Amino acid sequence: MIIKSVAISFVALLGILIPLERAMAGGLVKVAGSVEAVDVSARPQTFVIKTTTAGRKELIVGCRLDDKTVVRAGRHAGKLENFRAGDRAQLIYLRVDDGLVCRKISKKRKE
């Protein structure tokens, strides 16, 4: 009985760690939450979002924009200048050697 519960716990832990490891290895990661900050005057421009993990822990993700970043407002092209703190947004980012790079930022409708 104890061995079975340890085995189940181990499999559950692997289910959490394997996606995390892939994300940290350079894969794309998608998060949704509340915009914390946008700095359009910085070079490079930066975007910060606050989300909640599956374990109900607060996670703040900040990334920089580059020439490959796509900004959307619903189904239409958007501008970073249109984002304000408190807006709902979805962020897809990529981990690189020197930080995080935004790949797609989408503004969500107010619920």
C-alpha atoms as a PDB file:
ATOM      1  CA  MET A   1       0.000   0.000   0.000  1.00  0.00           C
ATOM      2  CA  ILE A   2       2.778   2.456   0.900  1.00  0.00           C
ATOM      3  CA  ILE A   3       4.755   1.524  -2.217  1.00  0.00           C
ATOM      4  CA  LYS A   4       1.676   2.120  -4.369  1.00  0.00           C
ATOM      5  CA  SER A   5       1.063   5.589  -2.899  1.00  0.00           C
ATOM      6  CA  VAL A   6       4.743   6.495  -3.291  1.00  0.00           C
ATOM      7  CA  ALA A   7       4.610   5.357  -6.925  1.00  0.00           C
ATOM      8  CA  ILE A   8       1.486   7.425  -7.574  1.00  0.00           C
ATOM      9  CA  SER A   9       3.075  10.474  -5.930  1.00  0.00           C
ATOM     10  CA  PHE A  10       6.207  10.023  -8.042  1.00  0.00           C
ATOM     11  CA  VAL A  11       4.185   9.823 -11.276  1.00  0.00           C
ATOM     12  CA  ALA A  12       2.215  12.936 -10.267  1.00  0.00           C
ATOM     13  CA  LEU A  13       5.465  14.784  -9.536  1.00  0.00           C
ATOM     14  CA  LEU A  14       6.859  13.795 -12.933  1.00  0.00           C
ATOM     15  CA  GLY A  15       3.675  15.118 -14.537  1.00  0.00           C
ATOM     16  CA  ILE A  16       4.460  18.525 -13.044  1.00  0.00           C
ATOM     17  CA  LEU A  17       8.232  18.555 -13.529  1.00  0.00           C
ATOM     18  CA  ILE A  18       8.428  17.338 -17.130  1.00  0.00           C
ATOM     19  CA  PRO A  19       6.378  20.246 -18.613  1.00  0.00           C
ATOM     20  CA  LEU A  20       8.290  22.665 -16.367  1.00  0.00           C
ATOM     21  CA  GLU A  21      11.601  21.257 -17.582  1.00  0.00           C
ATOM     22  CA  ARG A  22      10.490  21.558 -21.212  1.00  0.00           C
ATOM     23  CA  ALA A  23       9.434  25.154 -20.632  1.00  0.00           C
ATOM     24  CA  MET A  24      12.764  25.954 -19.017  1.00  0.00           C
ATOM     25  CA  ALA A  25      14.644  24.246 -21.855  1.00  0.00           C
ATOM     26  CA  GLY A  26      13.433  26.818 -24.366  1.00  0.00           C
ATOM     27  CA  GLY A  27       9.882  25.808 -25.334  1.00  0.00           C
ATOM     28  CA  LEU A  28       7.023  28.246 -25.672  1.00  0.00           C
ATOM     29  CA  VAL A  29       5.021  28.866 -22.498  1.00  0.00           C
ATOM     30  CA  LYS A  30       1.481  30.305 -22.397  1.00  0.00           C
ATOM     31  CA  VAL A  31       0.114  32.183 -19.381  1.00  0.00           C
ATOM     32  CA  ALA A  32      -2.997  34.291 -18.866  1.00  0.00           C
ATOM     33  CA  GLY A  33      -3.636  36.842 -16.188  1.00  0.00           C
ATOM     34  CA  SER A  34      -3.613  40.494 -15.262  1.00  0.00           C
ATOM     35  CA  VAL A  35      -1.243  43.041 -16.796  1.00  0.00           C
ATOM     36  CA  GLU A  36       1.082  44.398 -14.121  1.00  0.00           C
ATOM     37  CA  ALA A  37       3.221  46.766 -16.190  1.00  0.00           C
ATOM     38  CA  VAL A  38       3.998  47.833 -19.739  1.00  0.00           C
ATOM     39  CA  ASP A  39       7.035  49.928 -20.635  1.00  0.00           C
ATOM     40  CA  VAL A  40       6.870  51.148 -24.224  1.00  0.00           C
ATOM     41  CA  SER A  41       9.670  53.683 -23.731  1.00  0.00           C
ATOM     42  CA  ALA A  42      12.242  51.089 -22.632  1.00  0.00           C
ATOM     43  CA  ARG A  43      14.611  49.582 -25.179  1.00  0.00           C
ATOM     44  CA  PRO A  44      13.733  46.801 -25.504  1.00  0.00           C
ATOM     45  CA  GLN A  45      10.067  47.292 -24.643  1.00  0.00           C
ATOM     46  CA  THR A  46       8.879  45.151 -21.720  1.00  0.00           C
ATOM     47  CA  PHE A  47       5.638  43.508 -20.639  1.00  0.00           C
ATOM     48  CA  VAL A  48       4.791  42.087 -17.192  1.00  0.00           C
ATOM     49  CA  ILE A  49       1.820  39.867 -16.329  1.00  0.00           C
ATOM     50  CA  LYS A  50       0.621  38.335 -13.056  1.00  0.00           C
ATOM     51  CA  THR A  51      -0.922  34.863 -13.152  1.00  0.00           C
ATOM     52  CA  THR A  52      -1.671  31.968 -10.833  1.00  0.00           C
ATOM     53  CA  THR A  53      -0.010  28.552 -11.117  1.00  0.00           C
ATOM     54  CA  ALA A  54      -1.865  25.242 -10.914  1.00  0.00           C
ATOM     55  CA  GLY A  55      -0.760  25.110  -7.266  1.00  0.00           C
ATOM     56  CA  ARG A  56      -2.542  28.452  -6.603  1.00  0.00           C
ATOM     57  CA  LYS A  57       0.721  30.373  -6.246  1.00  0.00           C
ATOM     58  CA  GLU A  58       1.123  33.848  -7.691  1.00  0.00           C
ATOM     59  CA  LEU A  59       3.566  34.047 -10.595  1.00  0.00           C
ATOM     60  CA  ILE A  60       4.826  37.263 -12.168  1.00  0.00           C
ATOM     61  CA  VAL A  61       6.322  36.954 -15.640  1.00  0.00           C
ATOM     62  CA  GLY A  62       8.197  39.769 -17.345  1.00  0.00           C
ATOM     63  CA  CYS A  63       9.578  39.569 -20.862  1.00  0.00           C
ATOM     64  CA  ARG A  64      10.998  41.801 -23.531  1.00  0.00           C
ATOM     65  CA  LEU A  65       9.566  42.361 -26.990  1.00  0.00           C
ATOM     66  CA  ASP A  66      11.513  41.930 -30.204  1.00  0.00           C
ATOM     67  CA  ASP A  67      10.766  42.181 -33.929  1.00  0.00           C
ATOM     68  CA  LYS A  68       9.039  38.747 -33.877  1.00  0.00           C
ATOM     69  CA  THR A  69       6.555  39.658 -31.119  1.00  0.00           C
ATOM     70  CA  VAL A  70       2.904  39.698 -32.225  1.00  0.00           C
ATOM     71  CA  VAL A  71       0.536  42.022 -30.338  1.00  0.00           C
ATOM     72  CA  ARG A  72      -3.214  41.387 -30.651  1.00  0.00           C
ATOM     73  CA  ALA A  73      -6.363  43.026 -29.306  1.00  0.00           C
ATOM     74  CA  GLY A  74      -8.968  40.287 -29.606  1.00  0.00           C
ATOM     75  CA  ARG A  75      -8.918  39.139 -33.233  1.00  0.00           C
ATOM     76  CA  HIS A  76      -7.261  42.316 -34.508  1.00  0.00           C
ATOM     77  CA  ALA A  77      -3.711  43.629 -34.572  1.00  0.00           C
ATOM     78  CA  GLY A  78      -3.003  45.654 -31.468  1.00  0.00           C
ATOM     79  CA  LYS A  79      -0.457  48.040 -30.044  1.00  0.00           C
ATOM     80  CA  LEU A  80       1.456  47.671 -26.810  1.00  0.00           C
ATOM     81  CA  GLU A  81       0.427  51.226 -25.945  1.00  0.00           C
ATOM     82  CA  ASN A  82      -3.196  50.019 -25.618  1.00  0.00           C
ATOM     83  CA  PHE A  83      -2.390  47.768 -22.633  1.00  0.00           C
ATOM     84  CA  ARG A  84      -2.890  49.144 -19.123  1.00  0.00           C
ATOM     85  CA  ALA A  85      -2.268  47.686 -15.678  1.00  0.00           C
ATOM     86  CA  GLY A  86      -5.248  45.560 -14.714  1.00  0.00           C
ATOM     87  CA  ASP A  87      -6.165  44.511 -18.273  1.00  0.00           C
ATOM     88  CA  ARG A  88      -6.715  40.792 -18.865  1.00  0.00           C
ATOM     89  CA  ALA A  89      -4.148  39.349 -21.253  1.00  0.00           C
ATOM     90  CA  GLN A  90      -2.596  36.163 -22.538  1.00  0.00           C
ATOM     91  CA  LEU A  91       1.149  35.932 -23.038  1.00  0.00           C
ATOM     92  CA  ILE A  92       3.195  33.395 -24.955  1.00  0.00           C
ATOM     93  CA  TYR A  93       6.886  33.659 -24.196  1.00  0.00           C
ATOM     94  CA  LEU A  94      10.132  31.896 -24.977  1.00  0.00           C
ATOM     95  CA  ARG A  95      12.978  31.306 -22.536  1.00  0.00           C
ATOM     96  CA  VAL A  96      16.367  32.203 -24.052  1.00  0.00           C
ATOM     97  CA  ASP A  97      19.859  32.340 -22.566  1.00  0.00           C
ATOM     98  CA  ASP A  98      19.533  35.920 -21.367  1.00  0.00           C
ATOM     99  CA  GLY A  99      15.887  36.001 -20.213  1.00  0.00           C
ATOM    100  CA  LEU A 100      12.370  35.771 -21.588  1.00  0.00           C
ATOM    101  CA  VAL A 101      11.173  37.021 -24.972  1.00  0.00           C
ATOM    102  CA  CYS A 102       7.500  37.728 -25.698  1.00  0.00           C
ATOM    103  CA  ARG A 103       6.264  35.884 -28.763  1.00  0.00           C
ATOM    104  CA  LYS A 104       2.560  36.828 -28.618  1.00  0.00           C
ATOM    105  CA  ILE A 105       0.592  39.184 -26.394  1.00  0.00           C
ATOM    106  CA  SER A 106      -3.188  39.124 -26.646  1.00  0.00           C
ATOM    107  CA  LYS A 107      -5.585  41.489 -24.895  1.00  0.00           C
ATOM    108  CA  LYS A 108      -8.666  39.700 -23.598  1.00  0.00           C
ATOM    109  CA  ARG A 109     -12.161  41.129 -23.299  1.00  0.00           C
ATOM    110  CA  LYS A 110     -13.398  42.195 -19.916  1.00  0.00           C
ATOM    111  CA  GLU A 111     -15.623  39.562 -18.369  1.00  0.00           C
END
